[in-house]
N, C-alpha and C. Protein backbone atom coordinates (compact mmCIF):
# COMPACT_ATOMS: atom_id res chain seq x y z
N MET A 1 -23.49 3.38 22.22
CA MET A 1 -22.97 2.20 21.27
C MET A 1 -24.83 2.18 21.02
N GLY A 2 -24.34 2.45 19.34
CA GLY A 2 -25.76 1.96 18.93
C GLY A 2 -26.72 0.48 19.25
N GLU A 3 -28.11 0.09 18.64
CA GLU A 3 -27.76 -1.39 18.53
C GLU A 3 -27.94 -1.88 17.11
N ARG A 4 -27.60 -2.86 17.46
CA ARG A 4 -26.93 -4.05 16.03
C ARG A 4 -27.74 -4.44 15.74
N SER A 5 -28.42 -3.45 14.36
CA SER A 5 -29.51 -4.66 14.10
C SER A 5 -28.62 -5.74 12.88
N PRO A 6 -29.14 -7.43 13.40
CA PRO A 6 -28.29 -8.56 12.35
C PRO A 6 -28.91 -8.57 10.60
N THR A 7 -28.52 -9.44 9.16
CA THR A 7 -29.90 -8.54 8.33
C THR A 7 -29.88 -10.79 8.34
N ALA A 8 -30.49 -11.45 7.51
CA ALA A 8 -31.03 -12.33 7.56
C ALA A 8 -29.24 -13.60 7.84
N GLU A 9 -28.67 -12.50 7.64
CA GLU A 9 -27.86 -14.26 7.63
C GLU A 9 -27.13 -14.25 9.15
N GLY A 10 -27.42 -12.90 10.14
CA GLY A 10 -27.40 -13.34 11.11
C GLY A 10 -25.85 -11.53 11.26
N GLN A 11 -25.29 -11.12 10.54
CA GLN A 11 -24.66 -10.59 10.97
C GLN A 11 -24.99 -9.01 10.54
N GLU A 12 -24.99 -7.61 10.65
CA GLU A 12 -24.81 -6.26 10.52
C GLU A 12 -23.84 -6.17 9.20
N PRO A 13 -24.54 -5.50 8.76
CA PRO A 13 -24.74 -4.75 7.44
C PRO A 13 -22.95 -4.97 7.59
N GLY A 14 -21.82 -4.07 8.33
CA GLY A 14 -21.17 -2.76 8.39
C GLY A 14 -20.42 -4.12 8.59
N LEU A 15 -20.29 -5.62 9.40
CA LEU A 15 -19.82 -5.84 9.98
C LEU A 15 -19.44 -6.59 8.30
N GLN A 16 -20.63 -7.35 7.75
CA GLN A 16 -20.02 -7.62 6.53
C GLN A 16 -18.96 -8.04 5.49
N LEU A 17 -19.35 -5.80 5.48
CA LEU A 17 -19.08 -5.59 4.19
C LEU A 17 -17.10 -5.68 4.91
N VAL A 18 -16.76 -5.97 6.47
CA VAL A 18 -15.87 -5.51 6.98
C VAL A 18 -15.34 -6.73 6.52
N HIS A 19 -15.86 -7.63 6.81
CA HIS A 19 -15.65 -9.54 6.31
C HIS A 19 -15.05 -9.32 4.39
N LEU A 20 -15.81 -9.02 3.95
CA LEU A 20 -15.66 -8.92 2.63
C LEU A 20 -13.98 -8.41 2.01
N LEU A 21 -13.77 -6.92 2.58
CA LEU A 21 -12.64 -6.34 2.82
C LEU A 21 -11.70 -6.56 3.01
N ARG A 22 -11.87 -7.32 4.15
CA ARG A 22 -10.64 -8.07 4.41
C ARG A 22 -10.15 -9.47 3.21
N ALA A 23 -11.98 -10.05 2.60
CA ALA A 23 -10.71 -11.13 2.40
C ALA A 23 -10.80 -10.41 0.60
N VAL A 24 -10.89 -9.37 0.00
CA VAL A 24 -10.10 -8.70 -0.69
C VAL A 24 -8.85 -8.22 -0.53
N THR A 25 -8.36 -8.18 0.72
CA THR A 25 -6.97 -7.75 1.30
C THR A 25 -6.72 -9.10 1.19
N VAL A 26 -6.82 -9.23 1.69
CA VAL A 26 -6.22 -11.37 1.38
C VAL A 26 -5.41 -11.85 0.87
N GLU A 27 -7.10 -11.68 -0.83
CA GLU A 27 -6.57 -12.04 -2.05
C GLU A 27 -5.71 -10.95 -2.86
N LEU A 28 -5.61 -9.88 -2.27
CA LEU A 28 -3.96 -9.29 -2.08
C LEU A 28 -2.71 -8.92 -1.68
N ASP A 29 -2.99 -10.03 -0.56
CA ASP A 29 -2.10 -9.72 -0.11
C ASP A 29 -1.22 -11.16 -0.80
N LEU A 30 -2.11 -12.09 -1.41
CA LEU A 30 -0.93 -12.97 -1.67
C LEU A 30 -0.62 -13.42 -2.81
N PHE A 31 -1.68 -12.11 -3.76
CA PHE A 31 -1.36 -11.27 -4.98
C PHE A 31 -0.28 -11.51 -4.79
N GLY A 32 0.14 -10.08 -3.83
CA GLY A 32 1.74 -9.90 -3.77
C GLY A 32 3.09 -10.72 -2.96
N GLY A 33 2.20 -11.64 -2.81
CA GLY A 33 2.89 -12.63 -2.19
C GLY A 33 3.81 -13.87 -3.30
N GLU A 34 3.09 -13.43 -3.79
CA GLU A 34 3.81 -14.04 -5.38
C GLU A 34 3.74 -13.99 -6.25
N PHE A 35 4.23 -12.37 -6.16
CA PHE A 35 5.03 -11.82 -6.79
C PHE A 35 6.29 -11.34 -6.35
N ALA A 36 6.57 -11.38 -5.47
CA ALA A 36 7.40 -11.47 -4.53
C ALA A 36 8.33 -12.26 -5.18
N ALA A 37 7.44 -13.61 -4.38
CA ALA A 37 7.93 -14.86 -4.53
C ALA A 37 8.85 -15.08 -5.70
N ARG A 38 8.28 -14.57 -6.63
CA ARG A 38 8.84 -15.42 -8.35
C ARG A 38 10.41 -14.24 -8.40
N ASN A 39 9.84 -13.02 -7.85
CA ASN A 39 11.10 -11.92 -8.16
C ASN A 39 12.28 -11.94 -7.03
N GLY A 40 12.28 -12.66 -6.35
CA GLY A 40 13.14 -12.53 -5.24
C GLY A 40 12.27 -12.00 -4.25
N LEU A 41 11.59 -11.17 -3.66
CA LEU A 41 11.50 -10.32 -2.71
C LEU A 41 10.91 -10.90 -2.05
N HIS A 42 10.85 -9.67 -1.32
CA HIS A 42 9.97 -9.80 0.14
C HIS A 42 9.37 -9.09 0.32
N PRO A 43 8.15 -9.48 0.99
CA PRO A 43 7.22 -8.34 1.46
C PRO A 43 7.29 -7.21 1.42
N THR A 44 7.74 -7.14 2.53
CA THR A 44 8.08 -5.71 3.21
C THR A 44 8.52 -4.96 1.17
N ASP A 45 9.50 -5.55 1.01
CA ASP A 45 10.05 -4.91 -0.50
C ASP A 45 8.63 -4.44 -0.95
N VAL A 46 8.35 -5.64 -1.67
CA VAL A 46 6.96 -5.35 -2.09
C VAL A 46 6.27 -3.55 -1.70
N ARG A 47 5.98 -3.36 -0.66
CA ARG A 47 4.79 -2.89 -0.07
C ARG A 47 5.71 -1.82 -0.19
N ALA A 48 7.34 -1.18 -0.25
CA ALA A 48 8.51 -0.08 -0.43
C ALA A 48 7.82 0.27 -2.37
N LEU A 49 8.15 -0.69 -2.71
CA LEU A 49 8.22 -0.32 -3.95
C LEU A 49 7.09 0.31 -4.24
N ILE A 50 5.31 -0.13 -3.83
CA ILE A 50 4.20 0.02 -3.75
C ILE A 50 4.09 1.17 -2.34
N SER A 51 4.83 2.10 -1.73
CA SER A 51 4.51 3.25 -1.27
C SER A 51 5.96 4.10 -2.22
N LEU A 52 6.20 3.73 -2.34
CA LEU A 52 7.07 4.80 -3.65
C LEU A 52 6.56 4.91 -4.76
N LEU A 53 5.76 3.94 -5.14
CA LEU A 53 5.07 4.62 -6.55
C LEU A 53 3.81 5.02 -6.66
N ASP A 54 3.26 5.17 -5.50
CA ASP A 54 2.02 6.04 -4.71
C ASP A 54 2.99 7.02 -4.65
N ALA A 55 3.55 7.17 -3.89
CA ALA A 55 4.78 8.70 -3.49
C ALA A 55 4.52 9.23 -4.70
N ALA A 56 5.24 9.02 -5.97
CA ALA A 56 5.02 9.42 -7.75
C ALA A 56 4.22 9.94 -8.13
N ARG A 57 3.04 9.00 -7.98
CA ARG A 57 2.11 9.55 -8.66
C ARG A 57 0.75 10.44 -7.85
N SER A 58 1.28 10.87 -6.68
CA SER A 58 1.11 11.87 -5.14
C SER A 58 2.11 12.85 -5.60
N GLY A 59 2.89 13.07 -6.15
CA GLY A 59 3.99 14.43 -6.69
C GLY A 59 4.83 14.18 -4.53
N THR A 60 4.45 13.17 -4.13
CA THR A 60 5.75 13.34 -2.28
C THR A 60 7.27 13.32 -2.79
N ARG A 61 7.31 14.09 -2.50
CA ARG A 61 9.32 13.67 -2.43
C ARG A 61 9.07 12.67 -2.12
N ALA A 62 9.85 10.98 -1.93
CA ALA A 62 10.28 10.70 -0.91
C ALA A 62 12.06 9.91 -0.88
N THR A 63 11.81 10.32 1.22
CA THR A 63 12.82 9.83 1.55
C THR A 63 12.81 8.25 2.04
N PRO A 64 14.26 8.18 2.36
CA PRO A 64 14.33 6.65 2.93
C PRO A 64 13.82 6.99 4.88
N GLY A 65 13.61 8.19 5.27
CA GLY A 65 12.41 8.49 6.00
C GLY A 65 10.97 8.63 6.46
N TRP A 66 11.09 9.14 5.17
CA TRP A 66 9.61 8.80 4.97
C TRP A 66 9.02 7.63 4.87
N LEU A 67 9.30 6.79 3.57
CA LEU A 67 9.91 5.85 4.18
C LEU A 67 9.59 4.88 4.87
N GLY A 68 10.42 4.84 5.81
CA GLY A 68 10.78 4.88 7.71
C GLY A 68 9.03 4.50 8.05
N ALA A 69 8.82 5.37 8.43
CA ALA A 69 6.80 6.28 7.95
C ALA A 69 6.04 5.51 7.90
N GLN A 70 6.31 5.22 6.49
CA GLN A 70 5.07 4.84 6.07
C GLN A 70 4.94 3.52 5.45
N LEU A 71 6.06 2.56 5.95
CA LEU A 71 6.67 1.43 6.34
C LEU A 71 6.65 0.49 7.76
N GLY A 72 6.01 1.68 8.45
CA GLY A 72 6.82 1.52 10.27
C GLY A 72 8.29 0.47 10.95
N LEU A 73 9.29 1.68 9.92
CA LEU A 73 10.68 0.44 10.24
C LEU A 73 11.60 1.06 10.21
N ASN A 74 12.20 0.95 11.38
CA ASN A 74 13.64 2.48 12.38
C ASN A 74 14.61 1.99 10.48
N SER A 75 15.03 3.20 11.32
CA SER A 75 16.83 3.79 9.93
C SER A 75 17.26 2.69 9.85
N ALA A 76 17.48 1.41 10.40
CA ALA A 76 18.48 1.13 9.41
C ALA A 76 17.66 -0.04 8.88
N ALA A 77 16.64 -0.43 10.28
CA ALA A 77 16.23 -1.49 8.04
C ALA A 77 15.26 -0.47 7.40
N VAL A 78 15.44 0.63 7.10
CA VAL A 78 15.13 1.05 5.88
C VAL A 78 16.47 1.41 4.87
N THR A 79 16.91 1.14 5.37
CA THR A 79 18.53 1.29 5.20
C THR A 79 19.25 -0.15 4.22
N ALA A 80 18.96 -1.24 5.03
CA ALA A 80 18.34 -2.38 4.79
C ALA A 80 17.64 -2.46 3.36
N LEU A 81 16.29 -1.92 3.51
CA LEU A 81 16.25 -3.10 2.60
C LEU A 81 15.72 -1.50 1.00
N VAL A 82 16.51 -0.05 1.43
CA VAL A 82 16.88 0.70 0.24
C VAL A 82 17.95 -0.13 -0.55
N ASP A 83 18.79 -0.11 0.29
CA ASP A 83 20.01 -0.98 -0.51
C ASP A 83 20.22 -1.84 -1.09
N ARG A 84 19.00 -2.73 -0.32
CA ARG A 84 19.15 -3.99 -1.07
C ARG A 84 18.01 -4.63 -2.98
N LEU A 85 16.99 -3.57 -2.54
CA LEU A 85 16.55 -2.89 -3.52
C LEU A 85 17.29 -1.50 -4.90
N VAL A 86 17.90 -1.15 -4.40
CA VAL A 86 19.66 -0.85 -5.47
C VAL A 86 19.58 -0.94 -5.89
N ARG A 87 20.41 -2.31 -5.26
CA ARG A 87 20.95 -3.40 -5.40
C ARG A 87 20.26 -4.52 -7.08
N MET A 88 19.42 -4.71 -6.22
CA MET A 88 18.30 -5.00 -7.15
C MET A 88 18.49 -4.14 -8.79
N GLY A 89 18.83 -3.29 -9.15
CA GLY A 89 17.86 -1.99 -9.56
C GLY A 89 16.63 -1.66 -10.02
N LEU A 90 15.62 -1.58 -9.09
CA LEU A 90 14.35 -2.11 -8.86
C LEU A 90 13.87 -0.03 -7.75
N VAL A 91 14.72 0.28 -7.09
CA VAL A 91 15.35 1.63 -6.96
C VAL A 91 16.45 3.34 -7.01
N HIS A 92 16.21 3.27 -7.92
CA HIS A 92 17.14 4.42 -7.14
C HIS A 92 17.99 5.86 -6.40
N ARG A 93 18.84 6.40 -5.33
CA ARG A 93 18.89 7.11 -4.56
C ARG A 93 19.65 8.61 -5.74
N GLU A 94 18.98 9.14 -5.48
CA GLU A 94 18.54 10.84 -6.05
C GLU A 94 19.28 11.58 -5.51
N ARG A 95 19.70 12.18 -5.00
CA ARG A 95 19.91 13.25 -3.98
C ARG A 95 18.58 14.98 -4.81
N ASP A 96 18.24 15.05 -3.52
CA ASP A 96 17.45 15.99 -2.89
C ASP A 96 18.05 17.81 -4.66
N THR A 97 17.43 17.68 -5.93
CA THR A 97 18.69 19.22 -6.42
C THR A 97 17.95 20.82 -5.01
N ARG A 98 17.04 20.81 -4.44
CA ARG A 98 16.34 21.38 -3.52
C ARG A 98 16.95 21.75 -2.19
N ASP A 99 18.05 20.07 -1.53
CA ASP A 99 18.52 20.43 -0.67
C ASP A 99 19.63 18.89 -0.92
N ARG A 100 20.71 19.51 -0.75
CA ARG A 100 21.63 18.33 -1.63
C ARG A 100 21.85 17.55 -0.75
N ARG A 101 21.92 17.77 1.18
CA ARG A 101 22.15 17.00 2.07
C ARG A 101 21.18 16.11 2.24
N ARG A 102 19.69 15.77 1.37
CA ARG A 102 18.77 15.17 1.01
C ARG A 102 18.43 13.71 -0.34
N VAL A 103 18.21 13.03 0.54
CA VAL A 103 18.65 11.94 -0.42
C VAL A 103 17.01 11.72 -0.85
N LEU A 104 16.84 11.30 -2.16
CA LEU A 104 15.36 11.08 -3.02
C LEU A 104 15.69 9.69 -3.58
N LEU A 105 14.14 9.22 -3.21
CA LEU A 105 14.57 8.37 -3.38
C LEU A 105 12.58 7.81 -4.97
N THR A 106 13.55 6.76 -5.91
CA THR A 106 12.71 7.17 -6.43
C THR A 106 12.30 5.25 -8.12
N VAL A 107 11.18 4.41 -7.79
CA VAL A 107 11.25 3.91 -8.82
C VAL A 107 11.87 3.22 -9.77
N GLY A 108 12.48 2.49 -10.21
CA GLY A 108 13.43 2.39 -11.90
C GLY A 108 12.13 1.73 -12.72
N ASP A 109 12.83 2.38 -13.72
CA ASP A 109 11.27 2.15 -14.52
C ASP A 109 11.47 -0.30 -15.13
N GLU A 110 12.33 -0.39 -15.16
CA GLU A 110 13.00 -1.89 -14.77
C GLU A 110 11.64 -2.58 -13.12
N ALA A 111 11.36 -2.37 -12.02
CA ALA A 111 10.46 -2.19 -10.91
C ALA A 111 9.20 -1.91 -11.44
N VAL A 112 8.46 -1.39 -12.79
CA VAL A 112 8.01 -0.85 -13.14
C VAL A 112 7.41 -1.59 -13.59
N ALA A 113 8.11 -2.00 -15.18
CA ALA A 113 8.04 -2.56 -15.92
C ALA A 113 7.57 -4.12 -16.23
N LEU A 114 8.14 -5.00 -14.38
CA LEU A 114 8.43 -6.35 -13.74
C LEU A 114 6.80 -5.57 -13.14
N GLY A 115 6.30 -5.42 -12.19
CA GLY A 115 5.04 -4.85 -11.66
C GLY A 115 3.90 -4.85 -13.18
N TRP A 116 4.00 -4.37 -13.81
CA TRP A 116 3.12 -4.27 -14.86
C TRP A 116 2.83 -5.56 -15.42
N SER A 117 4.11 -5.65 -16.07
CA SER A 117 3.89 -7.36 -16.43
C SER A 117 3.55 -8.38 -15.55
N PHE A 118 2.77 -8.32 -14.19
CA PHE A 118 3.20 -9.51 -13.59
C PHE A 118 0.95 -8.77 -12.69
N PHE A 119 1.18 -7.39 -12.74
CA PHE A 119 -0.04 -7.25 -12.18
C PHE A 119 -1.51 -6.66 -12.84
N GLY A 120 -0.31 -6.26 -14.31
CA GLY A 120 -0.84 -5.38 -15.25
C GLY A 120 -1.84 -6.22 -15.75
N PRO A 121 -2.60 -7.49 -16.18
CA PRO A 121 -3.66 -8.36 -15.78
C PRO A 121 -4.65 -8.09 -15.25
N LEU A 122 -4.52 -7.41 -13.98
CA LEU A 122 -4.99 -7.87 -12.41
C LEU A 122 -6.10 -6.56 -12.48
N ILE A 123 -4.96 -5.21 -12.76
CA ILE A 123 -5.94 -3.99 -12.69
C ILE A 123 -6.64 -4.65 -13.83
N ASP A 124 -6.09 -4.75 -14.87
CA ASP A 124 -6.89 -4.30 -16.29
C ASP A 124 -8.69 -4.91 -16.00
N GLU A 125 -8.48 -6.24 -15.20
CA GLU A 125 -9.42 -6.68 -14.86
C GLU A 125 -10.52 -6.24 -14.07
N MET A 126 -10.28 -5.93 -12.82
CA MET A 126 -10.52 -5.01 -12.13
C MET A 126 -11.11 -3.70 -12.51
N VAL A 127 -10.46 -2.95 -13.33
CA VAL A 127 -11.12 -2.03 -14.11
C VAL A 127 -12.21 -2.06 -14.87
N ASP A 128 -12.02 -3.06 -15.57
CA ASP A 128 -13.20 -3.85 -16.46
C ASP A 128 -14.80 -4.03 -15.52
N ALA A 129 -14.02 -4.91 -14.35
CA ALA A 129 -15.60 -4.92 -13.86
C ALA A 129 -16.06 -3.65 -12.97
N MET A 130 -15.31 -2.39 -13.50
CA MET A 130 -15.39 -1.12 -12.28
C MET A 130 -16.01 -0.88 -13.34
N ARG A 131 -16.84 -0.91 -14.49
CA ARG A 131 -17.29 0.06 -15.70
C ARG A 131 -18.86 -0.90 -15.72
N SER A 132 -18.83 -1.99 -15.05
CA SER A 132 -20.08 -1.47 -14.49
C SER A 132 -20.96 -1.13 -13.33
N PHE A 133 -20.56 0.07 -13.07
CA PHE A 133 -20.63 1.22 -12.10
C PHE A 133 -20.84 1.75 -12.42
N ASP A 134 -21.65 3.03 -12.23
CA ASP A 134 -21.87 4.05 -12.66
C ASP A 134 -21.54 5.36 -11.80
N GLU A 135 -21.43 6.74 -12.26
CA GLU A 135 -20.06 7.04 -11.46
C GLU A 135 -20.19 7.12 -9.64
N GLU A 136 -21.83 7.22 -9.96
CA GLU A 136 -22.23 7.24 -7.93
C GLU A 136 -21.57 6.33 -7.53
N ASP A 137 -21.88 5.52 -8.29
CA ASP A 137 -22.00 4.43 -7.28
C ASP A 137 -20.77 3.77 -6.92
N LEU A 138 -19.67 4.64 -7.91
CA LEU A 138 -18.48 4.67 -7.93
C LEU A 138 -17.96 5.64 -7.27
N ALA A 139 -18.55 7.16 -6.89
CA ALA A 139 -17.88 7.62 -5.76
C ALA A 139 -18.40 7.42 -4.41
N VAL A 140 -19.82 6.56 -4.12
CA VAL A 140 -19.82 5.93 -2.62
C VAL A 140 -18.01 4.85 -2.16
N VAL A 141 -18.16 4.31 -3.31
CA VAL A 141 -17.17 3.83 -3.34
C VAL A 141 -15.91 3.88 -2.98
N ARG A 142 -15.48 5.07 -3.57
CA ARG A 142 -13.64 5.73 -3.53
C ARG A 142 -14.39 6.52 -1.33
N ARG A 143 -15.22 6.92 -1.58
CA ARG A 143 -15.90 7.41 -0.50
C ARG A 143 -15.71 6.02 0.55
N PHE A 144 -16.21 4.82 0.39
CA PHE A 144 -16.37 4.14 1.27
C PHE A 144 -14.43 3.92 2.32
N LEU A 145 -13.43 3.26 0.75
CA LEU A 145 -12.40 3.16 0.67
C LEU A 145 -11.15 3.56 1.14
N LEU A 146 -10.96 5.53 1.27
CA LEU A 146 -11.18 6.91 1.37
C LEU A 146 -11.31 5.97 3.64
N ALA A 147 -12.64 6.25 3.92
CA ALA A 147 -13.38 5.75 4.95
C ALA A 147 -11.90 5.13 5.95
N MET A 148 -12.30 3.40 5.19
CA MET A 148 -11.67 2.38 5.41
C MET A 148 -9.90 2.47 5.78
N ARG A 149 -10.03 3.24 4.89
CA ARG A 149 -8.33 3.50 4.97
C ARG A 149 -8.10 3.98 6.15
N GLU A 150 -8.22 5.34 7.27
CA GLU A 150 -7.76 6.53 7.23
C GLU A 150 -8.09 5.68 8.78
N VAL A 151 -9.71 4.69 8.95
CA VAL A 151 -9.91 4.07 10.53
C VAL A 151 -9.04 3.40 10.50
N THR A 152 -7.67 2.51 9.41
CA THR A 152 -6.94 1.79 9.61
C THR A 152 -5.82 1.81 10.14
N ALA A 153 -5.36 3.58 9.17
CA ALA A 153 -3.90 4.32 8.82
C ALA A 153 -3.99 4.43 10.64
N ALA A 154 -5.58 4.91 11.87
CA ALA A 154 -4.65 5.53 12.66
C ALA A 154 -5.27 4.92 13.32
N GLY A 155 -5.49 2.87 13.51
CA GLY A 155 -5.91 2.29 14.33
C GLY A 155 -4.54 2.32 14.65
N ARG A 156 -3.73 1.63 13.48
CA ARG A 156 -2.02 1.78 13.13
C ARG A 156 -1.64 2.33 14.11
N ARG A 157 -1.63 4.13 13.90
CA ARG A 157 -0.90 4.75 15.48
C ARG A 157 -0.80 4.65 16.48
N THR A 158 -2.16 4.52 16.52
CA THR A 158 -2.73 4.33 18.23
C THR A 158 -2.20 3.64 18.26
N ARG A 159 -1.65 2.65 17.68
CA ARG A 159 -1.29 1.17 18.65
C ARG A 159 -0.16 1.74 18.43
N GLN A 160 1.06 2.29 17.63
CA GLN A 160 2.45 2.01 17.21
C GLN A 160 2.14 3.45 18.79
N LYS A 161 1.67 4.13 19.28
CA LYS A 161 1.86 5.10 19.77
C LYS A 161 1.34 4.69 21.27
N GLY A 162 1.40 3.41 21.25
CA GLY A 162 0.99 2.57 22.80
C GLY A 162 2.04 1.91 22.44
N HIS A 163 2.71 1.46 21.89
CA HIS A 163 3.63 0.33 21.89
C HIS A 163 4.38 1.12 22.32
N ALA A 164 5.41 1.77 22.06
CA ALA A 164 6.68 3.66 21.85
C ALA A 164 6.02 3.50 23.33
N GLU A 165 4.85 3.70 24.14
CA GLU A 165 4.80 3.78 25.50
C GLU A 165 4.73 3.28 26.13
N ARG A 166 4.99 1.74 25.67
CA ARG A 166 5.43 0.80 27.03
C ARG A 166 7.10 1.00 27.37
């Protein structure tokens, strides 16, 4: 391994960024927890809604199996989760027009409106804060966040694989 050179604060610059990223994650998690509590949701419900919204944005056809893989849940837990969200009117099950045996999951308009009413002001403030960065800065930040997401996802997959082999 390469030698680590500490900064004036005594920490390697990369480690400082890890700590800042963790701090942002904690703040976002607390924000999401408040949203969940105010709306009678479990934090996993919020993660499911986010995953389904991300799927819609990327054109991914979200099935219960896909959702389970995203959240690290078994099929029984996914069924209970989806049943709960459907009962609340936040998620809809639809038959896949390409394969009638398959069920697709979509986030309802009510859930989108609920999310925007809570998260919209924060999102607006975040976008406003980003306006102080030029396109090159934002490209670096984007590259950084994509790399951190991949490292984290790979670490999670490795741990899940190791746990399953025990």
